[in-house]
Amino acid sequence: MAFDTFDEGISLGGMRSRTEIRTLICYLFKSVGVPMAKDAVVNALMEKGLANYFETSSCFDDLVRNGNVEMTDESKKLYYITDNGNMIATQLEDTLAPTVKERAVECALSLLKQEQIENDNKVTITKTDNGYTVTCSISGGDMELLSFSLYVPDKQQARIIRKNFYKNPDIFYSVMIAMLTRNKRSVTEILDELGSVI
């Protein structure tokens, strides 16, 4: 298969053909089975060094123009695979290396999980006279389970707190409950679990 893409940012075993990239995007939609944003798809391929950002973005746009992928939610900019796109994925998926398919789907699912966490739980950073206030909220579906605010002196620390909170908000909730109920055993177990995550 002829190479017709730029090599920058592509790891060994990555894709250098626009046909392969378009096929993998269709395969991703078919495998994940839920609407996805263009950024999630592009980042899934980039994160594992499977394809160049510009080529992936361009191939995605090609699929939209050709009716293989269509927008399903304009407010969230979510896309889904059409019957034509499904046909491409089914007929051509064997042309893709198994490791490429596995890495792309694994990364897409991870990004979707993170996206869901950030939709369900909120972090706001507010500038104050002396620094920043970081407010973290944990949702339990239709209700707010926990909300707390803390002061930090600079924006860098605020961003670190936001990043770490989004990694696993459930741990923050579990620690607070364990501390407030003075459940030493739970605190120890949670801290042990946290140590294995870090």
Protein backbone atom coordinates (compact mmCIF):
# COMPACT_ATOMS: atom_id res chain seq x y z
CA MET A 1 0.00 0.00 0.00
CA ALA A 2 1.39 3.39 -1.01
CA PHE A 3 2.33 5.86 1.71
CA ASP A 4 0.56 9.18 1.27
CA THR A 5 0.72 10.84 4.70
CA PHE A 6 3.27 12.77 6.74
CA ASP A 7 5.39 10.70 9.13
CA GLU A 8 5.68 13.26 11.95
CA GLY A 9 4.35 11.95 15.27
CA ILE A 10 3.81 8.40 13.99
CA SER A 11 5.38 5.57 15.98
CA LEU A 12 6.77 2.32 14.57
CA GLY A 13 3.86 0.28 13.24
CA GLY A 14 1.69 3.38 12.80
CA MET A 15 -0.32 4.17 9.68
CA ARG A 16 1.08 6.07 6.73
CA SER A 17 -1.81 5.58 4.31
CA ARG A 18 -4.95 7.74 4.25
CA THR A 19 -7.01 4.67 3.30
CA GLU A 20 -5.80 2.88 6.45
CA ILE A 21 -6.58 5.91 8.61
CA ARG A 22 -10.11 6.24 7.22
CA THR A 23 -10.67 2.49 7.69
CA LEU A 24 -9.43 2.65 11.29
CA ILE A 25 -11.72 5.59 12.09
CA CYS A 26 -14.70 3.60 10.79
CA TYR A 27 -13.52 0.54 12.73
CA LEU A 28 -13.25 2.66 15.91
CA PHE A 29 -16.85 3.86 15.61
CA LYS A 30 -18.08 0.34 14.90
CA SER A 31 -16.15 -1.18 17.83
CA VAL A 32 -16.90 1.48 20.46
CA GLY A 33 -20.56 1.56 19.48
CA VAL A 34 -21.39 5.04 20.80
CA PRO A 35 -21.29 8.52 19.24
CA MET A 36 -17.92 10.22 19.62
CA ALA A 37 -16.55 13.72 19.17
CA LYS A 38 -14.02 14.30 16.41
CA ASP A 39 -11.40 15.30 19.02
CA ALA A 40 -11.83 11.98 20.86
CA VAL A 41 -11.24 10.02 17.64
CA VAL A 42 -8.24 12.12 16.56
CA ASN A 43 -6.70 11.99 20.06
CA ALA A 44 -7.21 8.21 20.25
CA LEU A 45 -5.09 7.73 17.14
CA MET A 46 -2.52 10.36 18.11
CA GLU A 47 -2.10 9.20 21.72
CA LYS A 48 -0.75 5.83 20.60
CA GLY A 49 1.29 7.32 17.74
CA LEU A 50 -0.90 5.55 15.20
CA ALA A 51 -1.34 8.52 12.88
CA ASN A 52 -0.42 12.17 12.37
CA TYR A 53 -2.85 14.78 13.79
CA PHE A 54 -3.38 16.67 10.53
CA GLU A 55 -3.84 13.52 8.45
CA THR A 56 -6.31 12.02 10.96
CA SER A 57 -8.31 15.24 11.13
CA SER A 58 -8.38 15.47 7.33
CA CYS A 59 -9.42 11.81 6.96
CA PHE A 60 -12.22 12.32 9.49
CA ASP A 61 -13.49 15.28 7.43
CA ASP A 62 -13.34 13.10 4.28
CA LEU A 63 -15.56 10.50 5.97
CA VAL A 64 -18.08 13.19 6.94
CA ARG A 65 -18.12 14.60 3.39
CA ASN A 66 -18.63 11.12 1.94
CA GLY A 67 -21.49 10.30 4.32
CA ASN A 68 -19.62 7.55 6.18
CA VAL A 69 -19.80 9.47 9.47
CA GLU A 70 -22.55 11.92 10.40
CA MET A 71 -23.18 14.37 13.23
CA THR A 72 -25.83 13.19 15.66
CA ASP A 73 -25.65 15.90 18.35
CA GLU A 74 -24.73 19.42 17.23
CA SER A 75 -24.52 20.88 20.75
CA LYS A 76 -21.95 18.27 21.87
CA LYS A 77 -20.50 17.82 18.36
CA LEU A 78 -20.95 14.03 18.49
CA TYR A 79 -20.74 11.82 15.41
CA TYR A 80 -21.92 8.29 14.62
CA ILE A 81 -21.08 5.81 11.89
CA THR A 82 -23.57 5.41 9.01
CA ASP A 83 -24.41 2.17 7.18
CA ASN A 84 -21.81 3.07 4.53
CA GLY A 85 -19.16 3.59 7.20
CA ASN A 86 -20.11 0.30 8.84
CA MET A 87 -19.66 -1.44 5.50
CA ILE A 88 -16.15 0.03 5.15
CA ALA A 89 -15.26 -1.13 8.67
CA THR A 90 -16.59 -4.65 8.02
CA GLN A 91 -15.05 -5.12 4.57
CA LEU A 92 -11.63 -3.56 5.24
CA GLU A 93 -10.90 -4.14 8.93
CA ASP A 94 -8.79 -7.21 8.07
CA THR A 95 -6.37 -4.90 6.23
CA LEU A 96 -5.45 -3.32 9.60
CA ALA A 97 -2.90 -4.89 11.92
CA PRO A 98 -4.54 -6.43 15.04
CA THR A 99 -2.24 -4.44 17.35
CA VAL A 100 -3.22 -1.16 15.65
CA LYS A 101 -6.93 -1.93 16.10
CA GLU A 102 -6.44 -2.99 19.71
CA ARG A 103 -4.41 0.10 20.65
CA ALA A 104 -6.86 2.49 18.99
CA VAL A 105 -9.96 0.99 20.65
CA GLU A 106 -8.25 0.83 24.05
CA CYS A 107 -7.32 4.50 23.83
CA ALA A 108 -10.76 5.57 22.56
CA LEU A 109 -12.51 3.77 25.44
CA SER A 110 -10.12 5.37 27.93
CA LEU A 111 -10.81 8.85 26.51
CA LEU A 112 -14.58 8.25 26.56
CA LYS A 113 -14.36 7.13 30.20
CA GLN A 114 -12.41 10.27 31.09
CA GLU A 115 -14.91 12.40 29.20
CA GLN A 116 -17.76 10.82 31.19
CA ILE A 117 -15.94 11.47 34.47
CA GLU A 118 -15.50 15.13 33.54
CA ASN A 119 -19.15 15.43 32.51
CA ASP A 120 -20.37 13.92 35.79
CA ASN A 121 -17.95 15.77 38.07
CA LYS A 122 -17.02 19.43 37.88
CA VAL A 123 -13.96 21.48 38.79
CA THR A 124 -14.02 25.27 38.66
CA ILE A 125 -11.00 27.51 39.20
CA THR A 126 -11.76 31.05 40.35
CA LYS A 127 -9.21 33.87 40.63
CA THR A 128 -9.22 35.66 44.00
CA ASP A 129 -7.23 38.58 45.44
CA ASN A 130 -4.69 36.25 47.04
CA GLY A 131 -4.60 33.33 44.61
CA TYR A 132 -7.20 30.85 43.36
CA THR A 133 -10.17 28.94 44.73
CA VAL A 134 -10.64 25.43 43.37
CA THR A 135 -14.15 23.99 43.77
CA CYS A 136 -14.64 20.26 43.14
CA SER A 137 -18.11 18.70 42.85
CA ILE A 138 -18.93 15.00 42.74
CA SER A 139 -22.21 13.95 41.15
CA GLY A 140 -24.32 10.92 41.97
CA GLY A 141 -26.50 11.14 38.88
CA ASP A 142 -29.34 13.56 39.63
CA MET A 143 -27.84 14.83 42.87
CA GLU A 144 -24.61 16.34 44.12
CA LEU A 145 -22.87 13.96 46.54
CA LEU A 146 -20.03 16.21 47.62
CA SER A 147 -18.68 19.66 46.95
CA PHE A 148 -15.59 21.25 48.47
CA SER A 149 -13.46 24.32 47.85
CA LEU A 150 -9.85 25.00 48.66
CA TYR A 151 -7.43 27.86 48.33
CA VAL A 152 -4.17 27.61 46.38
CA PRO A 153 -1.65 30.40 45.83
CA ASP A 154 -1.12 29.96 42.07
CA LYS A 155 -2.79 28.69 38.90
CA GLN A 156 -0.29 25.87 38.42
CA GLN A 157 -1.34 24.24 41.71
CA ALA A 158 -5.00 24.77 40.80
CA ARG A 159 -4.47 22.91 37.52
CA ILE A 160 -2.66 20.05 39.30
CA ILE A 161 -5.59 19.66 41.71
CA ARG A 162 -8.06 19.65 38.82
CA LYS A 163 -6.03 17.04 36.94
CA ASN A 164 -5.67 14.75 39.97
CA PHE A 165 -9.32 15.13 40.96
CA TYR A 166 -10.46 14.07 37.49
CA LYS A 167 -8.20 11.00 37.61
CA ASN A 168 -10.42 9.38 40.24
CA PRO A 169 -13.10 11.49 41.95
CA ASP A 170 -14.50 8.38 43.67
CA ILE A 171 -11.39 8.19 45.86
CA PHE A 172 -11.96 11.74 47.14
CA TYR A 173 -15.54 10.86 48.06
CA SER A 174 -14.53 7.60 49.77
CA VAL A 175 -11.78 9.32 51.78
CA MET A 176 -14.15 12.06 52.98
CA ILE A 177 -16.79 9.55 54.09
CA ALA A 178 -14.20 7.37 55.82
CA MET A 179 -12.63 10.35 57.59
CA LEU A 180 -15.94 11.86 58.73
CA THR A 181 -17.22 8.50 60.01
CA ARG A 182 -13.80 7.85 61.59
CA ASN A 183 -13.56 4.49 59.84
CA LYS A 184 -9.82 3.88 60.21
CA ARG A 185 -9.90 0.59 58.33
CA SER A 186 -11.52 2.20 55.29
CA VAL A 187 -9.04 5.09 55.37
CA THR A 188 -6.12 2.62 55.41
CA GLU A 189 -7.58 0.57 52.55
CA ILE A 190 -8.24 3.69 50.46
CA LEU A 191 -4.73 5.02 51.05
CA ASP A 192 -3.28 1.63 50.06
CA GLU A 193 -5.40 1.71 46.90
CA LEU A 194 -4.28 5.27 46.19
CA GLY A 195 -0.65 4.20 46.56
CA SER A 196 -1.13 1.54 43.87
CA VAL A 197 -2.75 4.10 41.53
CA ILE A 198 0.03 6.70 41.81
